[in-house]
Amino acid sequence: MVINEGEEPENFFWVGIGSQKQYDEDADYMKYARLFRCSNEKGYFSVSEKCSDFCQDDLADDDIMLLDNGKEVYMWVGTQTSQVEIKLSLKACQVYIQHMRAKETEQPRKLRLVRKGNEPHCFTRCFHAWGVFKTPPA
């Protein structure tokens, strides 16, 4: 079958690349998106906020990351995280959620656990240019 330029069927392009996906029309999460790193690499447990312009490379595989998108607080667990970090980060998440509940009563957050490599769309869309085939540095 020959298709001449300018005579392509309406769905020609989308069929070729595997269909058209829905666009995100809600961008409210950008007002709330905050990323925190939980680590005990210095010999003590600390929680520090990453800059507001964060990307997938900021997810440290040996740490726990907390992402707040305004509705949920995601506790992202890297593959090389210690059990101590997991316990302390869970407590930090609970304290953060309580603090935000008191500060923004109309926006109560829910806690969601996320494992590296199994991130839902509502998590990945908070990061600039998220790549499925990209692995964060260890």
N, C-alpha and C. Protein backbone atom coordinates (compact mmCIF):
# COMPACT_ATOMS: atom_id res chain seq x y z
N MET A 1 0.85 -1.19 0.00
CA MET A 1 0.00 0.00 0.00
C MET A 1 0.89 1.24 0.00
N VAL A 2 0.62 2.18 -0.85
CA VAL A 2 1.38 3.42 -0.94
C VAL A 2 0.50 4.56 -0.41
N ILE A 3 1.09 5.36 0.50
CA ILE A 3 0.37 6.52 1.01
C ILE A 3 1.17 7.74 0.60
N ASN A 4 0.55 8.64 -0.14
CA ASN A 4 1.23 9.85 -0.60
C ASN A 4 1.19 10.92 0.48
N GLU A 5 2.24 11.72 0.52
CA GLU A 5 2.32 12.82 1.48
C GLU A 5 1.12 13.74 1.30
N GLY A 6 0.50 14.08 2.41
CA GLY A 6 -0.68 14.93 2.38
C GLY A 6 -1.99 14.14 2.27
N GLU A 7 -1.90 12.83 2.00
CA GLU A 7 -3.10 11.99 1.88
C GLU A 7 -3.16 10.95 2.99
N GLU A 8 -2.41 11.18 4.08
CA GLU A 8 -2.39 10.22 5.18
C GLU A 8 -3.75 10.17 5.87
N PRO A 9 -4.18 8.97 6.30
CA PRO A 9 -5.42 8.90 7.09
C PRO A 9 -5.24 9.68 8.40
N GLU A 10 -6.36 10.05 9.01
CA GLU A 10 -6.32 10.92 10.20
C GLU A 10 -5.48 10.34 11.34
N ASN A 11 -5.55 9.03 11.58
CA ASN A 11 -4.83 8.43 12.70
C ASN A 11 -3.47 7.84 12.30
N PHE A 12 -2.97 8.17 11.13
CA PHE A 12 -1.75 7.59 10.57
C PHE A 12 -0.55 7.69 11.52
N PHE A 13 -0.30 8.88 12.01
CA PHE A 13 0.86 9.11 12.88
C PHE A 13 0.75 8.32 14.19
N TRP A 14 -0.41 8.37 14.82
CA TRP A 14 -0.57 7.73 16.14
C TRP A 14 -0.50 6.21 16.05
N VAL A 15 -0.99 5.63 14.97
CA VAL A 15 -0.89 4.18 14.79
C VAL A 15 0.58 3.78 14.69
N GLY A 16 1.37 4.58 13.97
CA GLY A 16 2.79 4.30 13.79
C GLY A 16 3.60 4.32 15.08
N ILE A 17 3.23 5.20 16.03
CA ILE A 17 4.01 5.26 17.27
C ILE A 17 3.33 4.54 18.44
N GLY A 18 2.26 3.83 18.16
CA GLY A 18 1.67 3.01 19.22
C GLY A 18 0.54 3.65 19.99
N SER A 19 -0.19 4.54 19.40
CA SER A 19 -1.40 5.18 19.93
C SER A 19 -1.14 6.46 20.69
N GLN A 20 -2.19 7.24 20.82
CA GLN A 20 -2.13 8.52 21.49
C GLN A 20 -2.52 8.34 22.95
N LYS A 21 -1.73 8.93 23.85
CA LYS A 21 -2.03 8.81 25.28
C LYS A 21 -2.72 10.09 25.77
N GLN A 22 -3.47 9.95 26.85
CA GLN A 22 -4.14 11.10 27.45
C GLN A 22 -3.11 12.06 28.04
N TYR A 23 -3.34 13.36 27.89
CA TYR A 23 -2.48 14.36 28.50
C TYR A 23 -2.93 14.59 29.93
N ASP A 24 -1.96 14.89 30.81
CA ASP A 24 -2.30 15.33 32.17
C ASP A 24 -2.85 16.74 32.05
N GLU A 25 -4.05 16.94 32.54
CA GLU A 25 -4.62 18.29 32.51
C GLU A 25 -4.56 18.93 33.88
N ASP A 26 -4.31 18.13 34.91
CA ASP A 26 -4.22 18.64 36.27
C ASP A 26 -2.75 18.87 36.62
N ALA A 27 -2.39 20.09 36.96
CA ALA A 27 -1.00 20.38 37.33
C ALA A 27 -0.91 20.96 38.73
N ASP A 28 -1.97 20.79 39.53
CA ASP A 28 -1.96 21.30 40.91
C ASP A 28 -0.80 20.76 41.72
N TYR A 29 -0.41 19.51 41.45
CA TYR A 29 0.67 18.88 42.21
C TYR A 29 1.97 19.68 42.12
N MET A 30 2.16 20.46 41.05
CA MET A 30 3.39 21.25 40.91
C MET A 30 3.50 22.33 41.98
N LYS A 31 2.36 22.77 42.51
CA LYS A 31 2.39 23.78 43.58
C LYS A 31 2.87 23.17 44.89
N TYR A 32 2.67 21.86 45.04
CA TYR A 32 2.96 21.20 46.31
C TYR A 32 4.21 20.33 46.29
N ALA A 33 4.66 19.93 45.10
CA ALA A 33 5.72 18.92 44.99
C ALA A 33 6.98 19.30 45.76
N ARG A 34 7.32 18.44 46.73
CA ARG A 34 8.53 18.61 47.54
C ARG A 34 9.18 17.24 47.69
N LEU A 35 10.50 17.22 47.65
CA LEU A 35 11.25 15.97 47.76
C LEU A 35 12.24 16.07 48.91
N PHE A 36 12.25 15.04 49.75
CA PHE A 36 13.14 14.99 50.90
C PHE A 36 13.99 13.72 50.85
N ARG A 37 15.19 13.82 51.32
CA ARG A 37 16.09 12.65 51.38
C ARG A 37 16.27 12.26 52.84
N CYS A 38 16.03 10.98 53.14
CA CYS A 38 16.23 10.44 54.48
C CYS A 38 17.48 9.56 54.44
N SER A 39 18.46 9.86 55.29
CA SER A 39 19.72 9.13 55.22
C SER A 39 20.38 9.03 56.59
N ASN A 40 21.14 7.96 56.77
CA ASN A 40 21.96 7.86 57.98
C ASN A 40 23.43 7.65 57.61
N GLU A 41 23.82 8.10 56.42
CA GLU A 41 25.18 7.87 55.94
C GLU A 41 26.24 8.64 56.75
N LYS A 42 25.82 9.70 57.44
CA LYS A 42 26.79 10.47 58.22
C LYS A 42 26.92 9.96 59.65
N GLY A 43 26.26 8.83 59.95
CA GLY A 43 26.33 8.28 61.30
C GLY A 43 25.14 8.68 62.16
N TYR A 44 24.30 9.53 61.64
CA TYR A 44 23.06 9.92 62.32
C TYR A 44 21.98 10.08 61.25
N PHE A 45 20.73 9.91 61.67
CA PHE A 45 19.62 10.00 60.74
C PHE A 45 19.27 11.46 60.49
N SER A 46 19.12 11.82 59.22
CA SER A 46 18.74 13.18 58.90
C SER A 46 17.76 13.20 57.73
N VAL A 47 16.92 14.22 57.72
CA VAL A 47 15.97 14.44 56.63
C VAL A 47 16.29 15.81 56.07
N SER A 48 16.59 15.86 54.75
CA SER A 48 16.90 17.14 54.13
C SER A 48 16.08 17.31 52.87
N GLU A 49 15.63 18.55 52.64
CA GLU A 49 14.83 18.80 51.45
C GLU A 49 15.73 19.05 50.26
N LYS A 50 15.37 18.42 49.11
CA LYS A 50 16.11 18.64 47.87
C LYS A 50 15.61 19.95 47.26
N CYS A 51 16.37 20.49 46.34
CA CYS A 51 15.96 21.73 45.69
C CYS A 51 14.61 21.51 44.98
N SER A 52 13.93 22.59 44.70
CA SER A 52 12.59 22.46 44.09
C SER A 52 12.66 21.93 42.66
N ASP A 53 13.79 22.05 42.01
CA ASP A 53 13.92 21.63 40.62
C ASP A 53 14.54 20.23 40.55
N PHE A 54 13.86 19.25 41.13
CA PHE A 54 14.46 17.92 41.23
C PHE A 54 14.14 17.04 40.03
N CYS A 55 14.97 16.02 39.83
CA CYS A 55 14.80 15.10 38.71
C CYS A 55 15.04 13.67 39.20
N GLN A 56 14.88 12.73 38.31
CA GLN A 56 15.00 11.30 38.63
C GLN A 56 16.38 10.97 39.22
N ASP A 57 17.41 11.68 38.78
CA ASP A 57 18.77 11.42 39.28
C ASP A 57 18.92 11.74 40.77
N ASP A 58 18.00 12.52 41.32
CA ASP A 58 18.06 12.85 42.75
C ASP A 58 17.61 11.70 43.64
N LEU A 59 17.04 10.65 43.07
CA LEU A 59 16.61 9.49 43.86
C LEU A 59 17.84 8.62 44.16
N ALA A 60 18.30 8.67 45.40
CA ALA A 60 19.51 7.92 45.79
C ALA A 60 19.11 6.50 46.19
N ASP A 61 19.70 5.52 45.53
CA ASP A 61 19.33 4.12 45.71
C ASP A 61 19.60 3.58 47.11
N ASP A 62 20.51 4.22 47.84
CA ASP A 62 20.83 3.74 49.20
C ASP A 62 20.11 4.56 50.27
N ASP A 63 19.13 5.34 49.87
CA ASP A 63 18.37 6.16 50.80
C ASP A 63 16.87 5.99 50.58
N ILE A 64 16.12 6.61 51.46
CA ILE A 64 14.66 6.70 51.33
C ILE A 64 14.38 8.14 50.92
N MET A 65 13.47 8.29 49.98
CA MET A 65 13.08 9.63 49.54
C MET A 65 11.59 9.82 49.86
N LEU A 66 11.25 11.00 50.34
CA LEU A 66 9.85 11.33 50.60
C LEU A 66 9.43 12.35 49.55
N LEU A 67 8.33 12.07 48.86
CA LEU A 67 7.80 13.00 47.87
C LEU A 67 6.39 13.39 48.28
N ASP A 68 6.16 14.68 48.43
CA ASP A 68 4.83 15.21 48.76
C ASP A 68 4.28 15.85 47.49
N ASN A 69 3.12 15.39 47.02
CA ASN A 69 2.52 15.99 45.83
C ASN A 69 1.23 16.76 46.18
N GLY A 70 1.00 16.96 47.47
CA GLY A 70 -0.19 17.70 47.90
C GLY A 70 -1.35 16.81 48.31
N LYS A 71 -1.37 15.58 47.80
CA LYS A 71 -2.43 14.63 48.15
C LYS A 71 -1.86 13.42 48.88
N GLU A 72 -0.70 12.96 48.39
CA GLU A 72 -0.05 11.81 49.00
C GLU A 72 1.39 12.17 49.35
N VAL A 73 1.90 11.45 50.35
CA VAL A 73 3.33 11.50 50.64
C VAL A 73 3.84 10.11 50.30
N TYR A 74 4.71 10.06 49.32
CA TYR A 74 5.27 8.78 48.87
C TYR A 74 6.58 8.53 49.60
N MET A 75 6.70 7.34 50.14
CA MET A 75 7.96 6.92 50.75
C MET A 75 8.62 6.00 49.73
N TRP A 76 9.59 6.54 48.99
CA TRP A 76 10.29 5.80 47.93
C TRP A 76 11.47 5.07 48.55
N VAL A 77 11.52 3.77 48.34
CA VAL A 77 12.55 2.93 48.96
C VAL A 77 13.52 2.43 47.88
N GLY A 78 14.78 2.80 48.02
CA GLY A 78 15.82 2.33 47.11
C GLY A 78 16.16 0.88 47.41
N THR A 79 16.89 0.24 46.49
CA THR A 79 17.19 -1.19 46.65
C THR A 79 18.28 -1.45 47.67
N GLN A 80 19.07 -0.43 48.02
CA GLN A 80 20.17 -0.63 48.96
C GLN A 80 19.93 0.11 50.28
N THR A 81 18.69 0.19 50.67
CA THR A 81 18.32 0.90 51.89
C THR A 81 18.39 -0.04 53.10
N SER A 82 18.85 0.47 54.22
CA SER A 82 18.94 -0.36 55.43
C SER A 82 17.60 -0.41 56.16
N GLN A 83 17.43 -1.45 56.97
CA GLN A 83 16.21 -1.60 57.76
C GLN A 83 16.05 -0.43 58.74
N VAL A 84 17.16 0.05 59.28
CA VAL A 84 17.12 1.18 60.22
C VAL A 84 16.58 2.42 59.50
N GLU A 85 17.08 2.66 58.29
CA GLU A 85 16.60 3.82 57.52
C GLU A 85 15.11 3.71 57.23
N ILE A 86 14.65 2.51 56.92
CA ILE A 86 13.23 2.31 56.62
C ILE A 86 12.39 2.65 57.84
N LYS A 87 12.77 2.14 59.01
CA LYS A 87 12.00 2.41 60.25
C LYS A 87 12.00 3.90 60.59
N LEU A 88 13.17 4.53 60.54
CA LEU A 88 13.26 5.95 60.89
C LEU A 88 12.54 6.82 59.86
N SER A 89 12.60 6.44 58.59
CA SER A 89 11.93 7.22 57.54
C SER A 89 10.42 7.11 57.65
N LEU A 90 9.94 5.95 58.05
CA LEU A 90 8.50 5.77 58.24
C LEU A 90 8.01 6.71 59.34
N LYS A 91 8.78 6.80 60.40
CA LYS A 91 8.43 7.71 61.51
C LYS A 91 8.47 9.16 61.01
N ALA A 92 9.50 9.50 60.22
CA ALA A 92 9.62 10.85 59.68
C ALA A 92 8.42 11.19 58.80
N CYS A 93 7.97 10.22 57.99
CA CYS A 93 6.79 10.40 57.14
C CYS A 93 5.56 10.72 57.99
N GLN A 94 5.38 9.95 59.06
CA GLN A 94 4.21 10.14 59.92
C GLN A 94 4.23 11.53 60.58
N VAL A 95 5.41 11.94 61.03
CA VAL A 95 5.55 13.27 61.65
C VAL A 95 5.27 14.36 60.62
N TYR A 96 5.80 14.20 59.40
CA TYR A 96 5.59 15.18 58.33
C TYR A 96 4.10 15.29 57.99
N ILE A 97 3.43 14.14 57.85
CA ILE A 97 2.00 14.14 57.51
C ILE A 97 1.18 14.82 58.61
N GLN A 98 1.51 14.54 59.88
CA GLN A 98 0.80 15.21 61.00
C GLN A 98 1.03 16.72 60.95
N HIS A 99 2.27 17.12 60.68
CA HIS A 99 2.60 18.54 60.59
C HIS A 99 1.81 19.21 59.46
N MET A 100 1.77 18.57 58.30
CA MET A 100 1.05 19.15 57.17
C MET A 100 -0.46 19.14 57.39
N ARG A 101 -0.96 18.16 58.12
CA ARG A 101 -2.39 18.10 58.43
C ARG A 101 -2.79 19.29 59.31
N ALA A 102 -1.90 19.65 60.24
CA ALA A 102 -2.17 20.79 61.11
C ALA A 102 -2.02 22.11 60.34
N LYS A 103 -1.05 22.15 59.43
CA LYS A 103 -0.74 23.38 58.68
C LYS A 103 -1.73 23.63 57.54
N GLU A 104 -2.11 22.57 56.82
CA GLU A 104 -3.03 22.67 55.68
C GLU A 104 -4.19 21.69 55.90
N THR A 105 -5.14 22.09 56.71
CA THR A 105 -6.23 21.19 57.10
C THR A 105 -7.09 20.75 55.91
N GLU A 106 -7.13 21.58 54.84
CA GLU A 106 -7.95 21.23 53.68
C GLU A 106 -7.24 20.25 52.73
N GLN A 107 -5.98 19.95 52.98
CA GLN A 107 -5.20 19.06 52.12
C GLN A 107 -4.58 17.91 52.93
N PRO A 108 -5.37 17.03 53.54
CA PRO A 108 -4.77 15.93 54.30
C PRO A 108 -4.06 14.94 53.37
N ARG A 109 -2.84 14.58 53.73
CA ARG A 109 -2.05 13.66 52.90
C ARG A 109 -2.24 12.21 53.33
N LYS A 110 -2.10 11.30 52.36
CA LYS A 110 -2.09 9.86 52.66
C LYS A 110 -0.69 9.37 52.39
N LEU A 111 -0.27 8.36 53.14
CA LEU A 111 1.05 7.78 52.95
C LEU A 111 0.98 6.62 51.97
N ARG A 112 1.89 6.62 50.99
CA ARG A 112 1.98 5.52 50.02
C ARG A 112 3.43 5.06 49.92
N LEU A 113 3.62 3.77 49.95
CA LEU A 113 4.94 3.19 49.82
C LEU A 113 5.23 2.91 48.35
N VAL A 114 6.43 3.28 47.90
CA VAL A 114 6.82 3.07 46.51
C VAL A 114 8.21 2.44 46.49
N ARG A 115 8.34 1.35 45.76
CA ARG A 115 9.66 0.71 45.61
C ARG A 115 10.30 1.16 44.30
N LYS A 116 11.62 1.26 44.32
CA LYS A 116 12.36 1.64 43.11
C LYS A 116 12.00 0.69 41.97
N GLY A 117 11.69 1.27 40.81
CA GLY A 117 11.34 0.47 39.64
C GLY A 117 9.86 0.19 39.53
N ASN A 118 9.08 0.57 40.56
CA ASN A 118 7.64 0.29 40.56
C ASN A 118 6.86 1.58 40.87
N GLU A 119 7.32 2.70 40.31
CA GLU A 119 6.75 4.00 40.62
C GLU A 119 5.49 4.25 39.81
N PRO A 120 4.39 4.68 40.47
CA PRO A 120 3.16 4.99 39.73
C PRO A 120 3.29 6.34 39.00
N HIS A 121 2.40 6.57 38.04
CA HIS A 121 2.43 7.80 37.24
C HIS A 121 2.30 9.05 38.12
N CYS A 122 1.45 9.00 39.14
CA CYS A 122 1.27 10.19 40.00
C CYS A 122 2.56 10.54 40.76
N PHE A 123 3.49 9.59 40.86
CA PHE A 123 4.82 9.84 41.45
C PHE A 123 5.77 10.38 40.38
N THR A 124 5.87 9.67 39.26
CA THR A 124 6.87 10.02 38.24
C THR A 124 6.61 11.37 37.58
N ARG A 125 5.35 11.79 37.51
CA ARG A 125 5.06 13.06 36.83
C ARG A 125 5.59 14.27 37.59
N CYS A 126 5.98 14.08 38.85
CA CYS A 126 6.55 15.17 39.64
C CYS A 126 8.03 15.42 39.30
N PHE A 127 8.62 14.55 38.50
CA PHE A 127 10.03 14.65 38.15
C PHE A 127 10.18 15.08 36.69
N HIS A 128 11.13 15.98 36.43
CA HIS A 128 11.38 16.44 35.07
C HIS A 128 11.90 15.28 34.23
N ALA A 129 11.31 15.06 33.07
CA ALA A 129 11.78 14.09 32.07
C ALA A 129 12.06 12.71 32.66
N TRP A 130 11.07 12.16 33.36
CA TRP A 130 11.23 10.81 33.92
C TRP A 130 11.43 9.81 32.79
N GLY A 131 12.41 8.93 32.93
CA GLY A 131 12.68 7.92 31.92
C GLY A 131 12.50 6.53 32.49
N VAL A 132 11.68 5.72 31.85
CA VAL A 132 11.40 4.36 32.32
C VAL A 132 12.67 3.50 32.31
N PHE A 133 13.54 3.74 31.33
CA PHE A 133 14.71 2.90 31.16
C PHE A 133 15.93 3.44 31.91
N LYS A 134 15.74 4.54 32.59
CA LYS A 134 16.84 5.16 33.32
C LYS A 134 16.89 4.59 34.73
N THR A 135 18.05 4.25 35.20
CA THR A 135 18.16 3.80 36.59
C THR A 135 18.92 4.83 37.38
N PRO A 136 18.37 5.26 38.53
CA PRO A 136 19.08 6.25 39.35
C PRO A 136 20.44 5.71 39.77
N PRO A 137 21.43 6.59 39.93
CA PRO A 137 22.76 6.13 40.33
C PRO A 137 22.74 5.48 41.71
N ALA A 138 23.54 4.45 41.88
CA ALA A 138 23.58 3.72 43.16
C ALA A 138 24.39 4.47 44.18
